[in-house]
Amino acid sequence: MSREFTPQEGSCSCYSNTYTINNQPIGRFICHCTICQEFTGQAYNDVTILLKPDVSSLNLIRTKFRRWKLPPNISRGLCTRCNKPSIEMALGGNLILIPTTNYPDVAALPKPTMHLFYNRRTSDIEDDLPKYNGFVQSQAMILKALAQGMYKKRVSKR
């Protein structure tokens, strides 16, 4: 993966909801929480995190947003046509979470850095990534990853 990022046109699986990803995500992780399992219909959610200015041309007319639990106030959007994940928004829409399956070129993305809510996994994952259990540990590690990603982004602009 190079430091240069070619913008990608992201979408849900039926292309009814589209958006342009203009910059490298500041993070990527695999979440095993039961909300992500229900949201994706999969054993986990492999997701990237971007800042709001890094995503443009949002066409989400067929996205229905829902909050499963408050807090952490993540609005998860499902396509009303294919019923697959479209996009997720956190912190009042200032953070954008995009499932990696919604990128046309997944190879251009950073590798996942951790597993969150690993205690909720449906099966063991054999990899070298750190695995965090429970709400407090998982939230602490995602906050740390966000801070590191935002710092790297700021430093790389200099």
N, C-alpha and C. Protein backbone atom coordinates (compact mmCIF):
# COMPACT_ATOMS: atom_id res chain seq x y z
N MET A 1 0.84 -1.18 0.00
CA MET A 1 0.00 0.00 0.00
C MET A 1 0.89 1.24 0.00
N SER A 2 0.68 2.14 -0.96
CA SER A 2 1.47 3.35 -1.02
C SER A 2 0.83 4.44 -0.16
N ARG A 3 1.60 5.52 0.04
CA ARG A 3 1.09 6.64 0.83
C ARG A 3 0.05 7.43 0.03
N GLU A 4 0.15 7.38 -1.30
CA GLU A 4 -0.83 8.06 -2.14
C GLU A 4 -2.10 7.24 -2.19
N PHE A 5 -3.21 7.92 -2.12
CA PHE A 5 -4.51 7.24 -2.15
C PHE A 5 -5.29 7.74 -3.35
N THR A 6 -5.71 6.83 -4.18
CA THR A 6 -6.55 7.17 -5.31
C THR A 6 -8.00 7.16 -4.84
N PRO A 7 -8.73 8.25 -5.04
CA PRO A 7 -10.13 8.27 -4.61
C PRO A 7 -10.91 7.08 -5.16
N GLN A 8 -11.84 6.60 -4.35
CA GLN A 8 -12.67 5.46 -4.72
C GLN A 8 -14.14 5.83 -4.59
N GLU A 9 -14.95 5.24 -5.44
CA GLU A 9 -16.40 5.41 -5.37
C GLU A 9 -16.97 4.26 -4.57
N GLY A 10 -17.35 4.51 -3.34
CA GLY A 10 -17.92 3.48 -2.49
C GLY A 10 -19.41 3.36 -2.69
N SER A 11 -19.94 2.19 -2.33
CA SER A 11 -21.39 1.98 -2.47
C SER A 11 -21.83 0.76 -1.69
N CYS A 12 -23.14 0.68 -1.49
CA CYS A 12 -23.72 -0.55 -0.97
C CYS A 12 -23.63 -1.60 -2.08
N SER A 13 -24.05 -2.80 -1.82
CA SER A 13 -23.85 -3.87 -2.81
C SER A 13 -24.68 -3.71 -4.08
N CYS A 14 -25.77 -2.95 -4.04
CA CYS A 14 -26.59 -2.77 -5.25
C CYS A 14 -26.35 -1.41 -5.92
N TYR A 15 -25.43 -0.62 -5.40
CA TYR A 15 -25.05 0.68 -5.95
C TYR A 15 -26.15 1.73 -5.87
N SER A 16 -27.14 1.53 -5.02
CA SER A 16 -28.20 2.53 -4.85
C SER A 16 -27.74 3.70 -3.99
N ASN A 17 -26.75 3.48 -3.14
CA ASN A 17 -26.19 4.51 -2.28
C ASN A 17 -24.71 4.61 -2.61
N THR A 18 -24.26 5.81 -2.95
CA THR A 18 -22.87 5.98 -3.38
C THR A 18 -22.23 7.17 -2.67
N TYR A 19 -20.91 7.18 -2.68
CA TYR A 19 -20.15 8.28 -2.10
C TYR A 19 -18.72 8.16 -2.61
N THR A 20 -17.98 9.25 -2.52
CA THR A 20 -16.59 9.28 -2.94
C THR A 20 -15.70 9.33 -1.71
N ILE A 21 -14.77 8.40 -1.64
CA ILE A 21 -13.78 8.37 -0.56
C ILE A 21 -12.53 9.03 -1.14
N ASN A 22 -12.17 10.20 -0.60
CA ASN A 22 -11.11 11.02 -1.19
C ASN A 22 -9.74 10.83 -0.56
N ASN A 23 -9.69 10.27 0.63
CA ASN A 23 -8.41 10.13 1.33
C ASN A 23 -8.32 8.78 2.03
N GLN A 24 -7.09 8.42 2.35
CA GLN A 24 -6.82 7.19 3.07
C GLN A 24 -7.59 7.18 4.40
N PRO A 25 -8.24 6.10 4.75
CA PRO A 25 -8.88 6.02 6.07
C PRO A 25 -7.85 6.22 7.19
N ILE A 26 -8.31 6.77 8.31
CA ILE A 26 -7.40 6.96 9.44
C ILE A 26 -7.29 5.70 10.28
N GLY A 27 -8.11 4.71 9.99
CA GLY A 27 -8.04 3.46 10.72
C GLY A 27 -8.91 2.39 10.10
N ARG A 28 -8.62 1.17 10.49
CA ARG A 28 -9.42 0.02 10.06
C ARG A 28 -9.37 -1.02 11.17
N PHE A 29 -10.52 -1.58 11.51
CA PHE A 29 -10.58 -2.59 12.55
C PHE A 29 -11.69 -3.57 12.25
N ILE A 30 -11.70 -4.65 13.00
CA ILE A 30 -12.71 -5.69 12.86
C ILE A 30 -13.49 -5.74 14.16
N CYS A 31 -14.80 -5.48 14.06
CA CYS A 31 -15.65 -5.45 15.25
C CYS A 31 -16.55 -6.68 15.29
N HIS A 32 -16.53 -7.36 16.43
CA HIS A 32 -17.33 -8.57 16.63
C HIS A 32 -18.54 -8.34 17.52
N CYS A 33 -18.88 -7.08 17.82
CA CYS A 33 -20.01 -6.83 18.73
C CYS A 33 -21.31 -7.34 18.11
N THR A 34 -22.26 -7.62 18.96
CA THR A 34 -23.52 -8.18 18.47
C THR A 34 -24.29 -7.18 17.61
N ILE A 35 -24.09 -5.89 17.83
CA ILE A 35 -24.74 -4.88 16.99
C ILE A 35 -24.18 -4.95 15.58
N CYS A 36 -22.86 -5.02 15.44
CA CYS A 36 -22.25 -5.14 14.11
C CYS A 36 -22.66 -6.45 13.44
N GLN A 37 -22.77 -7.51 14.22
CA GLN A 37 -23.21 -8.78 13.64
C GLN A 37 -24.62 -8.65 13.07
N GLU A 38 -25.51 -8.00 13.82
CA GLU A 38 -26.88 -7.81 13.34
C GLU A 38 -26.91 -6.85 12.15
N PHE A 39 -26.14 -5.77 12.23
CA PHE A 39 -26.10 -4.76 11.17
C PHE A 39 -25.62 -5.34 9.85
N THR A 40 -24.55 -6.14 9.90
CA THR A 40 -23.97 -6.67 8.66
C THR A 40 -24.56 -8.00 8.23
N GLY A 41 -25.15 -8.73 9.18
CA GLY A 41 -25.60 -10.09 8.87
C GLY A 41 -24.43 -11.05 8.76
N GLN A 42 -23.27 -10.64 9.27
CA GLN A 42 -22.04 -11.43 9.21
C GLN A 42 -21.50 -11.65 10.63
N ALA A 43 -20.43 -12.42 10.72
CA ALA A 43 -19.82 -12.70 12.02
C ALA A 43 -19.10 -11.48 12.60
N TYR A 44 -18.73 -10.53 11.75
CA TYR A 44 -18.04 -9.32 12.19
C TYR A 44 -18.16 -8.24 11.13
N ASN A 45 -17.77 -7.03 11.50
CA ASN A 45 -17.78 -5.89 10.60
C ASN A 45 -16.35 -5.42 10.43
N ASP A 46 -15.79 -5.60 9.25
CA ASP A 46 -14.47 -5.09 8.88
C ASP A 46 -14.72 -3.68 8.35
N VAL A 47 -14.30 -2.68 9.11
CA VAL A 47 -14.73 -1.31 8.83
C VAL A 47 -13.56 -0.34 8.84
N THR A 48 -13.66 0.69 8.01
CA THR A 48 -12.67 1.77 7.98
C THR A 48 -13.28 3.01 8.61
N ILE A 49 -12.41 3.89 9.11
CA ILE A 49 -12.85 5.14 9.72
C ILE A 49 -12.24 6.30 8.94
N LEU A 50 -13.08 7.25 8.61
CA LEU A 50 -12.64 8.45 7.91
C LEU A 50 -13.20 9.69 8.59
N LEU A 51 -12.57 10.82 8.35
CA LEU A 51 -13.11 12.09 8.82
C LEU A 51 -14.12 12.58 7.79
N LYS A 52 -15.10 13.33 8.24
CA LYS A 52 -16.17 13.81 7.36
C LYS A 52 -15.65 14.49 6.09
N PRO A 53 -14.63 15.36 6.16
CA PRO A 53 -14.16 16.01 4.93
C PRO A 53 -13.54 15.05 3.91
N ASP A 54 -13.23 13.83 4.34
CA ASP A 54 -12.61 12.85 3.44
C ASP A 54 -13.61 12.07 2.61
N VAL A 55 -14.90 12.32 2.83
CA VAL A 55 -15.95 11.64 2.08
C VAL A 55 -16.84 12.71 1.46
N SER A 56 -17.09 12.60 0.16
CA SER A 56 -17.90 13.60 -0.52
C SER A 56 -18.92 12.93 -1.44
N SER A 57 -19.72 13.75 -2.07
CA SER A 57 -20.73 13.30 -3.04
C SER A 57 -21.61 12.20 -2.46
N LEU A 58 -22.05 12.40 -1.23
CA LEU A 58 -22.90 11.39 -0.59
C LEU A 58 -24.28 11.36 -1.25
N ASN A 59 -24.62 10.23 -1.82
CA ASN A 59 -25.94 9.99 -2.38
C ASN A 59 -26.54 8.85 -1.57
N LEU A 60 -27.22 9.20 -0.51
CA LEU A 60 -27.73 8.20 0.44
C LEU A 60 -29.25 8.18 0.46
N ILE A 61 -29.86 8.48 -0.66
CA ILE A 61 -31.32 8.58 -0.71
C ILE A 61 -32.01 7.27 -0.35
N ARG A 62 -31.35 6.16 -0.58
CA ARG A 62 -31.93 4.85 -0.26
C ARG A 62 -31.32 4.25 1.01
N THR A 63 -30.75 5.09 1.85
CA THR A 63 -30.19 4.63 3.12
C THR A 63 -31.14 4.98 4.26
N LYS A 64 -31.43 4.00 5.07
CA LYS A 64 -32.23 4.23 6.28
C LYS A 64 -31.31 4.07 7.48
N PHE A 65 -31.20 5.13 8.27
CA PHE A 65 -30.31 5.12 9.42
C PHE A 65 -31.05 4.66 10.67
N ARG A 66 -30.28 3.96 11.51
CA ARG A 66 -30.83 3.46 12.77
C ARG A 66 -29.72 3.47 13.82
N ARG A 67 -30.11 3.75 15.04
CA ARG A 67 -29.20 3.64 16.18
C ARG A 67 -29.65 2.45 17.00
N TRP A 68 -28.77 1.47 17.12
CA TRP A 68 -29.11 0.27 17.88
C TRP A 68 -29.04 0.51 19.37
N LYS A 69 -28.10 1.35 19.80
CA LYS A 69 -27.86 1.53 21.23
C LYS A 69 -27.29 2.93 21.47
N LEU A 70 -27.72 3.53 22.54
CA LEU A 70 -27.18 4.84 22.93
C LEU A 70 -26.49 4.71 24.27
N PRO A 71 -25.34 5.31 24.55
CA PRO A 71 -24.36 5.66 23.54
C PRO A 71 -23.74 4.40 22.93
N PRO A 72 -22.93 4.43 21.95
CA PRO A 72 -22.03 5.50 21.54
C PRO A 72 -22.54 6.36 20.39
N ASN A 73 -23.80 6.33 20.13
CA ASN A 73 -24.37 7.23 19.13
C ASN A 73 -23.84 7.03 17.72
N ILE A 74 -23.77 5.81 17.30
CA ILE A 74 -23.40 5.51 15.91
C ILE A 74 -24.68 5.26 15.14
N SER A 75 -24.86 6.03 14.08
CA SER A 75 -26.00 5.82 13.18
C SER A 75 -25.54 4.89 12.07
N ARG A 76 -26.18 3.75 12.00
CA ARG A 76 -25.79 2.76 10.99
C ARG A 76 -26.82 2.77 9.88
N GLY A 77 -26.34 2.92 8.64
CA GLY A 77 -27.23 3.02 7.50
C GLY A 77 -27.29 1.75 6.68
N LEU A 78 -28.52 1.26 6.48
CA LEU A 78 -28.77 0.11 5.62
C LEU A 78 -29.47 0.58 4.36
N CYS A 79 -29.13 -0.03 3.24
CA CYS A 79 -29.79 0.27 1.98
C CYS A 79 -31.21 -0.27 2.02
N THR A 80 -32.17 0.54 1.61
CA THR A 80 -33.56 0.09 1.61
C THR A 80 -33.86 -0.84 0.44
N ARG A 81 -32.95 -0.93 -0.52
CA ARG A 81 -33.15 -1.81 -1.67
C ARG A 81 -32.52 -3.19 -1.44
N CYS A 82 -31.21 -3.23 -1.13
CA CYS A 82 -30.52 -4.52 -0.97
C CYS A 82 -30.43 -4.96 0.49
N ASN A 83 -30.77 -4.06 1.42
CA ASN A 83 -30.72 -4.33 2.86
C ASN A 83 -29.31 -4.68 3.35
N LYS A 84 -28.30 -4.12 2.69
CA LYS A 84 -26.91 -4.31 3.08
C LYS A 84 -26.38 -3.00 3.66
N PRO A 85 -25.31 -3.07 4.47
CA PRO A 85 -24.73 -1.85 5.03
C PRO A 85 -24.30 -0.87 3.95
N SER A 86 -24.64 0.39 4.19
CA SER A 86 -24.27 1.46 3.27
C SER A 86 -23.13 2.29 3.86
N ILE A 87 -23.39 2.86 5.02
CA ILE A 87 -22.43 3.76 5.65
C ILE A 87 -22.83 3.91 7.12
N GLU A 88 -21.88 4.29 7.96
CA GLU A 88 -22.15 4.55 9.37
C GLU A 88 -21.59 5.91 9.72
N MET A 89 -22.25 6.60 10.64
CA MET A 89 -21.79 7.92 11.06
C MET A 89 -21.75 7.99 12.57
N ALA A 90 -20.70 8.63 13.08
CA ALA A 90 -20.52 8.79 14.52
C ALA A 90 -20.15 10.24 14.83
N LEU A 91 -20.27 10.59 16.09
CA LEU A 91 -19.94 11.94 16.56
C LEU A 91 -20.63 13.00 15.72
N GLY A 92 -21.94 12.85 15.57
CA GLY A 92 -22.72 13.83 14.83
C GLY A 92 -22.39 13.89 13.35
N GLY A 93 -21.90 12.81 12.80
CA GLY A 93 -21.55 12.76 11.39
C GLY A 93 -20.13 13.20 11.08
N ASN A 94 -19.35 13.54 12.11
CA ASN A 94 -17.97 13.97 11.90
C ASN A 94 -17.01 12.82 11.63
N LEU A 95 -17.40 11.62 12.05
CA LEU A 95 -16.64 10.41 11.72
C LEU A 95 -17.51 9.56 10.82
N ILE A 96 -16.92 9.06 9.76
CA ILE A 96 -17.63 8.20 8.81
C ILE A 96 -17.00 6.82 8.89
N LEU A 97 -17.84 5.82 9.04
CA LEU A 97 -17.37 4.43 9.06
C LEU A 97 -17.93 3.74 7.82
N ILE A 98 -17.03 3.13 7.06
CA ILE A 98 -17.43 2.46 5.82
C ILE A 98 -16.96 1.02 5.87
N PRO A 99 -17.90 0.08 5.71
CA PRO A 99 -17.50 -1.33 5.64
C PRO A 99 -16.55 -1.55 4.45
N THR A 100 -15.51 -2.33 4.65
CA THR A 100 -14.54 -2.53 3.57
C THR A 100 -15.15 -3.19 2.34
N THR A 101 -16.25 -3.90 2.51
CA THR A 101 -16.91 -4.51 1.36
C THR A 101 -17.50 -3.46 0.43
N ASN A 102 -17.59 -2.21 0.88
CA ASN A 102 -18.16 -1.14 0.06
C ASN A 102 -17.11 -0.40 -0.77
N TYR A 103 -15.86 -0.82 -0.68
CA TYR A 103 -14.79 -0.24 -1.49
C TYR A 103 -14.56 -1.11 -2.72
N PRO A 104 -14.35 -0.50 -3.88
CA PRO A 104 -14.03 -1.32 -5.05
C PRO A 104 -12.60 -1.88 -5.01
N ASP A 105 -11.67 -1.18 -4.34
CA ASP A 105 -10.28 -1.64 -4.28
C ASP A 105 -9.85 -1.79 -2.82
N VAL A 106 -10.20 -2.91 -2.22
CA VAL A 106 -9.87 -3.17 -0.81
C VAL A 106 -8.36 -3.26 -0.62
N ALA A 107 -7.62 -3.70 -1.64
CA ALA A 107 -6.17 -3.83 -1.52
C ALA A 107 -5.48 -2.49 -1.27
N ALA A 108 -6.12 -1.38 -1.64
CA ALA A 108 -5.53 -0.06 -1.44
C ALA A 108 -5.71 0.46 -0.01
N LEU A 109 -6.47 -0.26 0.79
CA LEU A 109 -6.76 0.17 2.15
C LEU A 109 -5.67 -0.27 3.12
N PRO A 110 -5.57 0.43 4.26
CA PRO A 110 -4.66 -0.07 5.30
C PRO A 110 -5.18 -1.41 5.81
N LYS A 111 -4.29 -2.20 6.31
CA LYS A 111 -4.68 -3.50 6.90
C LYS A 111 -5.41 -3.25 8.22
N PRO A 112 -6.29 -4.16 8.63
CA PRO A 112 -6.92 -4.02 9.94
C PRO A 112 -5.85 -4.03 11.03
N THR A 113 -6.11 -3.30 12.11
CA THR A 113 -5.12 -3.20 13.18
C THR A 113 -5.51 -3.94 14.45
N MET A 114 -6.80 -4.34 14.56
CA MET A 114 -7.23 -4.98 15.81
C MET A 114 -8.61 -5.60 15.64
N HIS A 115 -8.93 -6.46 16.59
CA HIS A 115 -10.28 -7.02 16.74
C HIS A 115 -10.89 -6.39 17.99
N LEU A 116 -12.12 -5.91 17.88
CA LEU A 116 -12.84 -5.33 19.01
C LEU A 116 -13.99 -6.24 19.42
N PHE A 117 -14.35 -6.19 20.67
CA PHE A 117 -15.42 -7.03 21.22
C PHE A 117 -15.19 -8.50 20.84
N TYR A 118 -13.93 -8.91 20.93
CA TYR A 118 -13.57 -10.27 20.52
C TYR A 118 -14.30 -11.32 21.36
N ASN A 119 -14.68 -10.97 22.56
CA ASN A 119 -15.43 -11.90 23.41
C ASN A 119 -16.80 -12.23 22.82
N ARG A 120 -17.27 -11.48 21.85
CA ARG A 120 -18.55 -11.72 21.18
C ARG A 120 -18.40 -12.46 19.85
N ARG A 121 -17.19 -12.87 19.54
CA ARG A 121 -16.95 -13.53 18.25
C ARG A 121 -17.80 -14.79 18.12
N THR A 122 -18.12 -15.14 16.88
CA THR A 122 -18.87 -16.37 16.62
C THR A 122 -17.93 -17.54 16.39
N SER A 123 -16.67 -17.24 16.03
CA SER A 123 -15.64 -18.27 15.90
C SER A 123 -14.28 -17.61 16.06
N ASP A 124 -13.29 -18.42 16.42
CA ASP A 124 -11.94 -17.89 16.61
C ASP A 124 -11.36 -17.42 15.28
N ILE A 125 -10.56 -16.37 15.34
CA ILE A 125 -9.87 -15.84 14.17
C ILE A 125 -8.38 -16.05 14.40
N GLU A 126 -7.75 -16.74 13.48
CA GLU A 126 -6.31 -17.02 13.58
C GLU A 126 -5.54 -15.95 12.81
N ASP A 127 -5.12 -14.92 13.49
CA ASP A 127 -4.24 -13.91 12.92
C ASP A 127 -3.41 -13.31 14.04
N ASP A 128 -2.52 -12.41 13.68
CA ASP A 128 -1.62 -11.81 14.67
C ASP A 128 -2.13 -10.48 15.22
N LEU A 129 -3.34 -10.10 14.88
CA LEU A 129 -3.87 -8.82 15.36
C LEU A 129 -4.22 -8.90 16.84
N PRO A 130 -4.05 -7.79 17.57
CA PRO A 130 -4.48 -7.79 18.97
C PRO A 130 -5.99 -7.94 19.05
N LYS A 131 -6.44 -8.61 20.10
CA LYS A 131 -7.86 -8.90 20.29
C LYS A 131 -8.29 -8.32 21.63
N TYR A 132 -9.30 -7.44 21.59
CA TYR A 132 -9.76 -6.76 22.79
C TYR A 132 -11.18 -7.19 23.12
N ASN A 133 -11.43 -7.37 24.41
CA ASN A 133 -12.71 -7.87 24.90
C ASN A 133 -13.49 -6.79 25.63
N GLY A 134 -14.80 -6.84 25.52
CA GLY A 134 -15.67 -5.99 26.31
C GLY A 134 -15.72 -4.55 25.86
N PHE A 135 -16.68 -3.83 26.42
CA PHE A 135 -16.94 -2.45 26.02
C PHE A 135 -15.78 -1.52 26.37
N VAL A 136 -15.35 -1.52 27.62
CA VAL A 136 -14.33 -0.56 28.06
C VAL A 136 -13.03 -0.75 27.29
N GLN A 137 -12.54 -1.97 27.23
CA GLN A 137 -11.27 -2.23 26.54
C GLN A 137 -11.39 -1.91 25.04
N SER A 138 -12.48 -2.31 24.42
CA SER A 138 -12.66 -2.06 22.98
C SER A 138 -12.77 -0.57 22.70
N GLN A 139 -13.55 0.16 23.50
CA GLN A 139 -13.70 1.59 23.28
C GLN A 139 -12.38 2.33 23.52
N ALA A 140 -11.64 1.94 24.54
CA ALA A 140 -10.35 2.58 24.81
C ALA A 140 -9.40 2.39 23.63
N MET A 141 -9.38 1.20 23.06
CA MET A 141 -8.46 0.94 21.96
C MET A 141 -8.88 1.64 20.68
N ILE A 142 -10.17 1.78 20.45
CA ILE A 142 -10.60 2.51 19.25
C ILE A 142 -10.30 4.00 19.40
N LEU A 143 -10.45 4.54 20.61
CA LEU A 143 -10.09 5.94 20.84
C LEU A 143 -8.59 6.16 20.63
N LYS A 144 -7.79 5.24 21.10
CA LYS A 144 -6.34 5.33 20.90
C LYS A 144 -6.01 5.28 19.41
N ALA A 145 -6.64 4.36 18.68
CA ALA A 145 -6.39 4.23 17.24
C ALA A 145 -6.83 5.49 16.49
N LEU A 146 -7.95 6.07 16.89
CA LEU A 146 -8.41 7.32 16.27
C LEU A 146 -7.42 8.44 16.50
N ALA A 147 -6.96 8.58 17.72
CA ALA A 147 -5.99 9.63 18.04
C ALA A 147 -4.71 9.44 17.23
N GLN A 148 -4.22 8.21 17.15
CA GLN A 148 -3.01 7.94 16.38
C GLN A 148 -3.23 8.23 14.89
N GLY A 149 -4.37 7.81 14.36
CA GLY A 149 -4.67 8.05 12.95
C GLY A 149 -4.78 9.52 12.62
N MET A 150 -5.41 10.28 13.50
CA MET A 150 -5.54 11.72 13.27
C MET A 150 -4.19 12.42 13.39
N TYR A 151 -3.35 11.97 14.31
CA TYR A 151 -2.02 12.53 14.45
C TYR A 151 -1.19 12.26 13.20
N LYS A 152 -1.20 11.02 12.72
CA LYS A 152 -0.45 10.67 11.51
C LYS A 152 -0.93 11.49 10.32
N LYS A 153 -2.23 11.68 10.21
CA LYS A 153 -2.80 12.46 9.11
C LYS A 153 -2.30 13.90 9.18
N ARG A 154 -2.28 14.45 10.38
CA ARG A 154 -1.83 15.84 10.54
C ARG A 154 -0.34 15.97 10.23
N VAL A 155 0.46 15.04 10.71
CA VAL A 155 1.91 15.08 10.48
C VAL A 155 2.22 14.91 8.99
N SER A 156 1.48 14.04 8.30
CA SER A 156 1.75 13.79 6.88
C SER A 156 1.41 14.99 6.01
N LYS A 157 0.58 15.92 6.50
CA LYS A 157 0.23 17.12 5.73
C LYS A 157 1.34 18.15 5.75
N ARG A 158 2.28 18.02 6.69
CA ARG A 158 3.36 19.02 6.82
C ARG A 158 4.37 18.90 5.73
